[in-house]
Amino acid sequence: MKTRTFWTILIKILGLSILLSSLTVIPEFFSTLYATFQTSENPTEISFFLVLIIIIYILILRFCVFKPNWIINKLKLDKEIEENIELNIKASTILNIAIAVIGGLTFIGSIPMLCETLFEFFRQDELFIDFNNSKWIIAYFLKATIGFLLFSNSKAVTKIIFKNADEIED
């Protein structure tokens, strides 16, 4: 495996990990944006920063997952090392394993939060307290679903990311 292939795989894995961790940021984004427009006299500053955060996540998705060669070229990651990394595994197999692990960790991490949020929702409902946690229930459910789908369909995600597994040189 060439050094460039190693860096491509590593950057794509990091990009996917950051993207999946952003799934809990998006509900917070809309919640903060809604609260800002309800309570603040000048919501433009906070709205600007919130939109900036979304733009940063989109750029991470674009450059880390779909265009890692740009990052490798700009940071000159493959210029200093000319050696090949001795692995007898295809790059698509490594990415497939990494996606399955990331999906599994996302699924495992979101299930306890979903259960805790559901428990709080039903407990507060019995006490007749207004507890608006439905957005978090939906967010954790979606995160668990996406994690499970990544875990169970890692080959399809790998094909989508690489478009063609033969693009990467081994």
N, C-alpha and C. Protein backbone atom coordinates (compact mmCIF):
# COMPACT_ATOMS: atom_id res chain seq x y z
N MET A 1 0.85 -1.16 0.00
CA MET A 1 0.00 0.00 0.00
C MET A 1 0.90 1.23 0.00
N LYS A 2 0.58 2.17 -0.84
CA LYS A 2 1.36 3.39 -0.91
C LYS A 2 1.00 4.31 0.24
N THR A 3 1.91 5.23 0.54
CA THR A 3 1.70 6.17 1.63
C THR A 3 0.49 7.05 1.37
N ARG A 4 0.30 7.45 0.13
CA ARG A 4 -0.83 8.30 -0.24
C ARG A 4 -2.16 7.57 0.03
N THR A 5 -2.20 6.29 -0.24
CA THR A 5 -3.40 5.50 0.02
C THR A 5 -3.69 5.44 1.51
N PHE A 6 -2.65 5.26 2.30
CA PHE A 6 -2.81 5.24 3.75
C PHE A 6 -3.41 6.56 4.25
N TRP A 7 -2.87 7.68 3.80
CA TRP A 7 -3.37 8.99 4.23
C TRP A 7 -4.80 9.21 3.75
N THR A 8 -5.12 8.76 2.55
CA THR A 8 -6.48 8.90 2.03
C THR A 8 -7.47 8.16 2.93
N ILE A 9 -7.14 6.94 3.28
CA ILE A 9 -8.02 6.15 4.14
C ILE A 9 -8.16 6.80 5.51
N LEU A 10 -7.05 7.23 6.10
CA LEU A 10 -7.09 7.84 7.43
C LEU A 10 -7.92 9.13 7.43
N ILE A 11 -7.76 9.97 6.43
CA ILE A 11 -8.53 11.22 6.37
C ILE A 11 -10.01 10.94 6.17
N LYS A 12 -10.34 9.96 5.36
CA LYS A 12 -11.75 9.61 5.16
C LYS A 12 -12.37 9.07 6.44
N ILE A 13 -11.63 8.26 7.17
CA ILE A 13 -12.14 7.73 8.44
C ILE A 13 -12.37 8.86 9.44
N LEU A 14 -11.43 9.78 9.54
CA LEU A 14 -11.60 10.92 10.45
C LEU A 14 -12.77 11.79 10.04
N GLY A 15 -12.94 12.00 8.74
CA GLY A 15 -14.07 12.79 8.26
C GLY A 15 -15.40 12.14 8.59
N LEU A 16 -15.50 10.83 8.42
CA LEU A 16 -16.73 10.12 8.77
C LEU A 16 -17.00 10.18 10.27
N SER A 17 -15.96 10.06 11.06
CA SER A 17 -16.13 10.13 12.51
C SER A 17 -16.62 11.51 12.94
N ILE A 18 -16.05 12.55 12.38
CA ILE A 18 -16.49 13.91 12.70
C ILE A 18 -17.92 14.13 12.23
N LEU A 19 -18.24 13.62 11.06
CA LEU A 19 -19.59 13.78 10.53
C LEU A 19 -20.62 13.09 11.42
N LEU A 20 -20.31 11.89 11.89
CA LEU A 20 -21.25 11.19 12.76
C LEU A 20 -21.39 11.86 14.12
N SER A 21 -20.30 12.42 14.61
CA SER A 21 -20.41 13.13 15.90
C SER A 21 -21.20 14.42 15.76
N SER A 22 -21.33 14.92 14.55
CA SER A 22 -22.10 16.15 14.33
C SER A 22 -23.60 15.91 14.39
N LEU A 23 -24.02 14.65 14.41
CA LEU A 23 -25.44 14.38 14.46
C LEU A 23 -26.10 14.88 15.73
N THR A 24 -25.36 15.01 16.80
CA THR A 24 -25.93 15.58 18.02
C THR A 24 -25.82 17.10 18.02
N VAL A 25 -24.99 17.66 17.16
CA VAL A 25 -24.84 19.11 17.10
C VAL A 25 -26.00 19.74 16.33
N ILE A 26 -26.52 19.04 15.35
CA ILE A 26 -27.58 19.60 14.49
C ILE A 26 -28.86 19.91 15.28
N PRO A 27 -29.36 19.02 16.14
CA PRO A 27 -30.53 19.41 16.94
C PRO A 27 -30.24 20.58 17.87
N GLU A 28 -29.05 20.63 18.43
CA GLU A 28 -28.67 21.77 19.26
C GLU A 28 -28.65 23.05 18.44
N PHE A 29 -28.20 22.95 17.20
CA PHE A 29 -28.17 24.10 16.31
C PHE A 29 -29.57 24.68 16.13
N PHE A 30 -30.52 23.84 15.78
CA PHE A 30 -31.88 24.34 15.55
C PHE A 30 -32.53 24.82 16.84
N SER A 31 -32.25 24.15 17.95
CA SER A 31 -32.79 24.57 19.23
C SER A 31 -32.25 25.94 19.63
N THR A 32 -30.95 26.14 19.46
CA THR A 32 -30.34 27.42 19.79
C THR A 32 -30.83 28.52 18.86
N LEU A 33 -30.96 28.20 17.60
CA LEU A 33 -31.44 29.18 16.63
C LEU A 33 -32.86 29.61 16.96
N TYR A 34 -33.71 28.66 17.30
CA TYR A 34 -35.09 28.97 17.67
C TYR A 34 -35.13 29.82 18.94
N ALA A 35 -34.37 29.42 19.95
CA ALA A 35 -34.35 30.18 21.21
C ALA A 35 -33.78 31.58 21.00
N THR A 36 -32.83 31.72 20.12
CA THR A 36 -32.23 33.03 19.85
C THR A 36 -33.26 33.97 19.24
N PHE A 37 -34.03 33.49 18.30
CA PHE A 37 -35.03 34.34 17.67
C PHE A 37 -36.19 34.65 18.61
N GLN A 38 -36.42 33.81 19.60
CA GLN A 38 -37.50 34.04 20.56
C GLN A 38 -37.12 35.03 21.65
N THR A 39 -35.87 35.01 22.09
CA THR A 39 -35.51 35.80 23.27
C THR A 39 -34.57 36.97 22.98
N SER A 40 -33.79 36.89 21.96
CA SER A 40 -32.76 37.91 21.73
C SER A 40 -33.29 39.06 20.90
N GLU A 41 -32.80 40.26 21.21
CA GLU A 41 -33.17 41.43 20.44
C GLU A 41 -32.34 41.53 19.16
N ASN A 42 -31.11 41.00 19.21
CA ASN A 42 -30.21 41.05 18.07
C ASN A 42 -29.70 39.64 17.77
N PRO A 43 -30.47 38.85 17.06
CA PRO A 43 -30.06 37.46 16.83
C PRO A 43 -29.06 37.28 15.68
N THR A 44 -28.65 38.35 15.04
CA THR A 44 -27.79 38.19 13.86
C THR A 44 -26.42 37.64 14.20
N GLU A 45 -25.84 38.05 15.32
CA GLU A 45 -24.51 37.56 15.69
C GLU A 45 -24.52 36.06 15.95
N ILE A 46 -25.45 35.62 16.76
CA ILE A 46 -25.52 34.20 17.09
C ILE A 46 -25.90 33.39 15.84
N SER A 47 -26.81 33.91 15.04
CA SER A 47 -27.19 33.22 13.81
C SER A 47 -26.00 33.09 12.88
N PHE A 48 -25.17 34.13 12.80
CA PHE A 48 -23.98 34.08 11.95
C PHE A 48 -23.05 32.96 12.39
N PHE A 49 -22.80 32.86 13.69
CA PHE A 49 -21.90 31.81 14.19
C PHE A 49 -22.50 30.42 14.01
N LEU A 50 -23.79 30.29 14.17
CA LEU A 50 -24.42 28.99 13.98
C LEU A 50 -24.36 28.55 12.52
N VAL A 51 -24.58 29.48 11.61
CA VAL A 51 -24.47 29.15 10.19
C VAL A 51 -23.02 28.84 9.84
N LEU A 52 -22.08 29.54 10.46
CA LEU A 52 -20.66 29.27 10.24
C LEU A 52 -20.30 27.85 10.67
N ILE A 53 -20.87 27.38 11.76
CA ILE A 53 -20.62 26.02 12.23
C ILE A 53 -21.13 25.00 11.21
N ILE A 54 -22.31 25.23 10.68
CA ILE A 54 -22.85 24.32 9.66
C ILE A 54 -21.98 24.32 8.41
N ILE A 55 -21.48 25.48 8.01
CA ILE A 55 -20.59 25.56 6.85
C ILE A 55 -19.30 24.78 7.10
N ILE A 56 -18.77 24.86 8.32
CA ILE A 56 -17.56 24.12 8.66
C ILE A 56 -17.81 22.61 8.55
N TYR A 57 -18.94 22.14 9.05
CA TYR A 57 -19.25 20.71 8.94
C TYR A 57 -19.39 20.28 7.49
N ILE A 58 -20.00 21.13 6.66
CA ILE A 58 -20.13 20.80 5.24
C ILE A 58 -18.76 20.73 4.57
N LEU A 59 -17.86 21.67 4.92
CA LEU A 59 -16.52 21.64 4.37
C LEU A 59 -15.74 20.41 4.82
N ILE A 60 -15.91 20.03 6.07
CA ILE A 60 -15.26 18.80 6.56
C ILE A 60 -15.76 17.61 5.77
N LEU A 61 -17.05 17.55 5.55
CA LEU A 61 -17.60 16.45 4.76
C LEU A 61 -17.02 16.45 3.35
N ARG A 62 -16.99 17.61 2.74
CA ARG A 62 -16.53 17.67 1.34
C ARG A 62 -15.05 17.32 1.21
N PHE A 63 -14.21 17.92 2.04
CA PHE A 63 -12.77 17.73 1.87
C PHE A 63 -12.26 16.43 2.49
N CYS A 64 -12.76 16.06 3.65
CA CYS A 64 -12.24 14.86 4.31
C CYS A 64 -12.79 13.58 3.70
N VAL A 65 -14.05 13.57 3.35
CA VAL A 65 -14.65 12.33 2.87
C VAL A 65 -14.56 12.21 1.35
N PHE A 66 -14.82 13.29 0.64
CA PHE A 66 -14.89 13.18 -0.82
C PHE A 66 -13.65 13.69 -1.55
N LYS A 67 -12.84 14.55 -0.94
CA LYS A 67 -11.64 15.07 -1.61
C LYS A 67 -10.43 15.06 -0.68
N PRO A 68 -10.04 13.89 -0.18
CA PRO A 68 -8.89 13.86 0.73
C PRO A 68 -7.56 14.15 0.02
N ASN A 69 -7.51 13.96 -1.29
CA ASN A 69 -6.27 14.24 -2.02
C ASN A 69 -5.88 15.71 -1.94
N TRP A 70 -6.87 16.60 -1.86
CA TRP A 70 -6.59 18.02 -1.72
C TRP A 70 -5.86 18.28 -0.40
N ILE A 71 -6.32 17.66 0.68
CA ILE A 71 -5.68 17.82 1.99
C ILE A 71 -4.27 17.24 1.96
N ILE A 72 -4.11 16.08 1.34
CA ILE A 72 -2.79 15.45 1.25
C ILE A 72 -1.82 16.34 0.48
N ASN A 73 -2.30 16.93 -0.61
CA ASN A 73 -1.44 17.81 -1.40
C ASN A 73 -1.09 19.09 -0.66
N LYS A 74 -2.05 19.70 0.01
CA LYS A 74 -1.80 20.96 0.72
C LYS A 74 -0.87 20.77 1.92
N LEU A 75 -1.04 19.68 2.65
CA LEU A 75 -0.20 19.42 3.82
C LEU A 75 1.07 18.66 3.47
N LYS A 76 1.20 18.24 2.22
CA LYS A 76 2.37 17.50 1.73
C LYS A 76 2.66 16.27 2.59
N LEU A 77 1.62 15.50 2.81
CA LEU A 77 1.75 14.34 3.69
C LEU A 77 2.52 13.19 3.06
N ASP A 78 2.50 13.09 1.75
CA ASP A 78 3.17 11.96 1.12
C ASP A 78 4.50 12.32 0.48
N LYS A 79 4.97 13.53 0.67
CA LYS A 79 6.21 13.97 0.01
C LYS A 79 7.46 13.48 0.74
N GLU A 80 7.41 13.42 2.04
CA GLU A 80 8.61 13.07 2.81
C GLU A 80 8.88 11.57 2.86
N ILE A 81 7.84 10.78 2.79
CA ILE A 81 7.99 9.34 2.91
C ILE A 81 7.74 8.71 1.54
N GLU A 82 8.72 8.04 1.03
CA GLU A 82 8.60 7.40 -0.28
C GLU A 82 8.38 5.90 -0.17
N GLU A 83 8.40 5.38 1.03
CA GLU A 83 8.29 3.94 1.22
C GLU A 83 6.85 3.48 1.09
N ASN A 84 6.70 2.24 0.74
CA ASN A 84 5.39 1.62 0.73
C ASN A 84 5.13 1.02 2.11
N ILE A 85 3.89 1.03 2.51
CA ILE A 85 3.48 0.41 3.76
C ILE A 85 3.10 -1.02 3.43
N GLU A 86 3.72 -1.95 4.10
CA GLU A 86 3.52 -3.36 3.78
C GLU A 86 2.25 -3.88 4.44
N LEU A 87 1.17 -3.85 3.70
CA LEU A 87 -0.09 -4.44 4.12
C LEU A 87 -0.63 -5.23 2.94
N ASN A 88 -1.10 -6.40 3.19
CA ASN A 88 -1.65 -7.21 2.12
C ASN A 88 -3.18 -7.13 2.10
N ILE A 89 -3.70 -6.00 2.54
CA ILE A 89 -5.13 -5.78 2.59
C ILE A 89 -5.47 -4.64 1.64
N LYS A 90 -6.55 -4.78 0.91
CA LYS A 90 -6.97 -3.73 0.00
C LYS A 90 -7.45 -2.53 0.80
N ALA A 91 -7.31 -1.35 0.21
CA ALA A 91 -7.73 -0.12 0.86
C ALA A 91 -9.23 -0.11 1.13
N SER A 92 -10.00 -0.68 0.22
CA SER A 92 -11.45 -0.72 0.42
C SER A 92 -11.82 -1.62 1.61
N THR A 93 -11.04 -2.65 1.86
CA THR A 93 -11.30 -3.53 3.01
C THR A 93 -11.02 -2.80 4.32
N ILE A 94 -9.95 -2.04 4.35
CA ILE A 94 -9.63 -1.27 5.56
C ILE A 94 -10.72 -0.25 5.85
N LEU A 95 -11.16 0.47 4.80
CA LEU A 95 -12.22 1.45 4.98
C LEU A 95 -13.53 0.77 5.37
N ASN A 96 -13.79 -0.40 4.81
CA ASN A 96 -14.99 -1.16 5.16
C ASN A 96 -15.00 -1.51 6.65
N ILE A 97 -13.87 -1.98 7.15
CA ILE A 97 -13.75 -2.31 8.57
C ILE A 97 -13.90 -1.07 9.43
N ALA A 98 -13.28 0.03 9.01
CA ALA A 98 -13.36 1.27 9.79
C ALA A 98 -14.79 1.81 9.85
N ILE A 99 -15.50 1.74 8.74
CA ILE A 99 -16.89 2.20 8.73
C ILE A 99 -17.75 1.33 9.64
N ALA A 100 -17.52 0.03 9.61
CA ALA A 100 -18.27 -0.86 10.49
C ALA A 100 -17.98 -0.55 11.96
N VAL A 101 -16.72 -0.28 12.29
CA VAL A 101 -16.37 0.05 13.68
C VAL A 101 -16.98 1.39 14.09
N ILE A 102 -16.89 2.38 13.23
CA ILE A 102 -17.47 3.69 13.54
C ILE A 102 -18.98 3.57 13.71
N GLY A 103 -19.63 2.83 12.81
CA GLY A 103 -21.07 2.62 12.93
C GLY A 103 -21.44 1.89 14.21
N GLY A 104 -20.66 0.87 14.55
CA GLY A 104 -20.93 0.14 15.78
C GLY A 104 -20.76 1.00 17.02
N LEU A 105 -19.70 1.79 17.04
CA LEU A 105 -19.48 2.68 18.19
C LEU A 105 -20.57 3.75 18.28
N THR A 106 -21.00 4.26 17.15
CA THR A 106 -22.09 5.24 17.15
C THR A 106 -23.38 4.61 17.67
N PHE A 107 -23.67 3.42 17.20
CA PHE A 107 -24.87 2.72 17.66
C PHE A 107 -24.81 2.44 19.15
N ILE A 108 -23.69 1.90 19.60
CA ILE A 108 -23.54 1.57 21.01
C ILE A 108 -23.57 2.82 21.89
N GLY A 109 -23.00 3.91 21.40
CA GLY A 109 -22.99 5.15 22.19
C GLY A 109 -24.33 5.85 22.25
N SER A 110 -25.17 5.68 21.24
CA SER A 110 -26.43 6.40 21.22
C SER A 110 -27.58 5.64 21.88
N ILE A 111 -27.47 4.34 21.99
CA ILE A 111 -28.55 3.55 22.62
C ILE A 111 -28.74 3.94 24.09
N PRO A 112 -27.68 4.06 24.91
CA PRO A 112 -27.92 4.45 26.30
C PRO A 112 -28.53 5.85 26.43
N MET A 113 -28.11 6.77 25.56
CA MET A 113 -28.66 8.11 25.61
C MET A 113 -30.13 8.11 25.20
N LEU A 114 -30.49 7.29 24.21
CA LEU A 114 -31.88 7.17 23.81
C LEU A 114 -32.72 6.60 24.94
N CYS A 115 -32.22 5.57 25.60
CA CYS A 115 -32.96 4.96 26.72
C CYS A 115 -33.11 5.95 27.87
N GLU A 116 -32.06 6.68 28.17
CA GLU A 116 -32.13 7.67 29.26
C GLU A 116 -33.13 8.77 28.94
N THR A 117 -33.12 9.25 27.70
CA THR A 117 -34.05 10.30 27.30
C THR A 117 -35.49 9.80 27.31
N LEU A 118 -35.71 8.58 26.85
CA LEU A 118 -37.06 8.00 26.91
C LEU A 118 -37.53 7.82 28.35
N PHE A 119 -36.63 7.37 29.21
CA PHE A 119 -36.98 7.20 30.61
C PHE A 119 -37.38 8.54 31.23
N GLU A 120 -36.60 9.57 30.98
CA GLU A 120 -36.91 10.91 31.51
C GLU A 120 -38.23 11.42 30.95
N PHE A 121 -38.47 11.17 29.68
CA PHE A 121 -39.71 11.62 29.05
C PHE A 121 -40.92 10.99 29.72
N PHE A 122 -40.89 9.68 29.92
CA PHE A 122 -42.03 9.00 30.54
C PHE A 122 -42.13 9.31 32.02
N ARG A 123 -41.03 9.51 32.68
CA ARG A 123 -41.07 9.86 34.11
C ARG A 123 -41.68 11.24 34.31
N GLN A 124 -41.28 12.20 33.49
CA GLN A 124 -41.82 13.55 33.60
C GLN A 124 -43.29 13.59 33.18
N ASP A 125 -43.68 12.72 32.25
CA ASP A 125 -45.07 12.67 31.82
C ASP A 125 -45.96 12.20 32.97
N GLU A 126 -45.47 11.26 33.78
CA GLU A 126 -46.24 10.77 34.93
C GLU A 126 -46.38 11.84 36.00
N LEU A 127 -45.40 12.70 36.13
CA LEU A 127 -45.43 13.75 37.14
C LEU A 127 -46.13 15.02 36.65
N PHE A 128 -46.64 14.99 35.43
CA PHE A 128 -47.35 16.12 34.80
C PHE A 128 -46.48 17.37 34.71
N ILE A 129 -45.21 17.16 34.41
CA ILE A 129 -44.28 18.27 34.20
C ILE A 129 -44.05 18.40 32.71
N ASP A 130 -44.06 19.63 32.25
CA ASP A 130 -43.83 19.85 30.82
C ASP A 130 -42.35 19.63 30.52
N PHE A 131 -42.07 18.55 29.85
CA PHE A 131 -40.70 18.14 29.56
C PHE A 131 -40.60 17.90 28.07
N ASN A 132 -40.09 18.89 27.36
CA ASN A 132 -40.04 18.80 25.90
C ASN A 132 -38.72 18.20 25.47
N ASN A 133 -38.66 16.89 25.45
CA ASN A 133 -37.44 16.18 25.08
C ASN A 133 -37.63 15.39 23.79
N SER A 134 -38.70 15.68 23.09
CA SER A 134 -38.99 14.89 21.89
C SER A 134 -37.93 15.08 20.82
N LYS A 135 -37.33 16.26 20.72
CA LYS A 135 -36.28 16.47 19.70
C LYS A 135 -35.06 15.63 20.01
N TRP A 136 -34.74 15.41 21.30
CA TRP A 136 -33.59 14.57 21.65
C TRP A 136 -33.89 13.10 21.44
N ILE A 137 -35.13 12.72 21.67
CA ILE A 137 -35.52 11.34 21.40
C ILE A 137 -35.35 11.04 19.91
N ILE A 138 -35.81 11.96 19.09
CA ILE A 138 -35.68 11.79 17.63
C ILE A 138 -34.21 11.80 17.23
N ALA A 139 -33.42 12.71 17.80
CA ALA A 139 -32.00 12.81 17.44
C ALA A 139 -31.24 11.53 17.81
N TYR A 140 -31.45 11.02 19.01
CA TYR A 140 -30.75 9.80 19.42
C TYR A 140 -31.25 8.58 18.65
N PHE A 141 -32.54 8.57 18.32
CA PHE A 141 -33.06 7.47 17.51
C PHE A 141 -32.43 7.48 16.13
N LEU A 142 -32.35 8.66 15.52
CA LEU A 142 -31.72 8.77 14.20
C LEU A 142 -30.24 8.40 14.26
N LYS A 143 -29.56 8.84 15.31
CA LYS A 143 -28.15 8.50 15.44
C LYS A 143 -27.95 7.00 15.61
N ALA A 144 -28.80 6.36 16.40
CA ALA A 144 -28.71 4.91 16.57
C ALA A 144 -29.03 4.19 15.26
N THR A 145 -30.01 4.68 14.53
CA THR A 145 -30.37 4.08 13.25
C THR A 145 -29.25 4.22 12.24
N ILE A 146 -28.66 5.40 12.16
CA ILE A 146 -27.56 5.62 11.22
C ILE A 146 -26.35 4.76 11.60
N GLY A 147 -26.07 4.66 12.90
CA GLY A 147 -24.97 3.81 13.34
C GLY A 147 -25.20 2.35 12.98
N PHE A 148 -26.43 1.88 13.19
CA PHE A 148 -26.75 0.49 12.83
C PHE A 148 -26.64 0.27 11.33
N LEU A 149 -27.14 1.23 10.54
CA LEU A 149 -27.06 1.09 9.08
C LEU A 149 -25.62 1.13 8.59
N LEU A 150 -24.79 1.96 9.19
CA LEU A 150 -23.37 1.98 8.83
C LEU A 150 -22.71 0.64 9.18
N PHE A 151 -23.05 0.12 10.34
CA PHE A 151 -22.48 -1.15 10.78
C PHE A 151 -22.89 -2.29 9.86
N SER A 152 -24.15 -2.32 9.49
CA SER A 152 -24.65 -3.45 8.71
C SER A 152 -24.44 -3.29 7.20
N ASN A 153 -24.24 -2.07 6.72
CA ASN A 153 -24.07 -1.83 5.28
C ASN A 153 -22.76 -1.13 4.98
N SER A 154 -21.69 -1.54 5.63
CA SER A 154 -20.42 -0.85 5.46
C SER A 154 -19.86 -1.00 4.05
N LYS A 155 -20.14 -2.11 3.39
CA LYS A 155 -19.64 -2.28 2.01
C LYS A 155 -20.30 -1.29 1.06
N ALA A 156 -21.59 -1.07 1.21
CA ALA A 156 -22.29 -0.12 0.34
C ALA A 156 -21.78 1.30 0.58
N VAL A 157 -21.51 1.65 1.84
CA VAL A 157 -20.98 2.98 2.15
C VAL A 157 -19.58 3.13 1.57
N THR A 158 -18.78 2.08 1.64
CA THR A 158 -17.44 2.11 1.07
C THR A 158 -17.52 2.34 -0.44
N LYS A 159 -18.43 1.69 -1.10
CA LYS A 159 -18.59 1.89 -2.54
C LYS A 159 -19.02 3.31 -2.86
N ILE A 160 -19.88 3.87 -2.03
CA ILE A 160 -20.31 5.25 -2.25
C ILE A 160 -19.14 6.21 -2.07
N ILE A 161 -18.33 5.98 -1.05
CA ILE A 161 -17.21 6.87 -0.78
C ILE A 161 -16.16 6.77 -1.87
N PHE A 162 -15.82 5.60 -2.27
CA PHE A 162 -14.78 5.43 -3.28
C PHE A 162 -15.33 5.47 -4.71
N LYS A 163 -16.63 5.32 -4.85
CA LYS A 163 -17.32 5.23 -6.14
C LYS A 163 -16.89 4.01 -6.91
N ASN A 164 -15.62 3.71 -6.85
CA ASN A 164 -15.10 2.50 -7.49
C ASN A 164 -13.86 2.10 -6.70
N ALA A 165 -13.89 0.94 -6.11
CA ALA A 165 -12.80 0.53 -5.23
C ALA A 165 -11.46 0.42 -5.95
N ASP A 166 -11.47 0.34 -7.26
CA ASP A 166 -10.23 0.24 -8.03
C ASP A 166 -9.55 1.59 -8.23
N GLU A 167 -10.21 2.70 -7.84
CA GLU A 167 -9.61 4.02 -7.98
C GLU A 167 -8.35 4.15 -7.14
N ILE A 168 -8.34 3.48 -6.01
CA ILE A 168 -7.21 3.59 -5.09
C ILE A 168 -6.21 2.52 -5.43
N GLU A 169 -4.98 2.95 -5.52
CA GLU A 169 -3.90 1.99 -5.82
C GLU A 169 -3.52 1.27 -4.54
N ASP A 170 -3.27 0.00 -4.63
CA ASP A 170 -2.87 -0.77 -3.44
C ASP A 170 -1.37 -0.77 -3.30
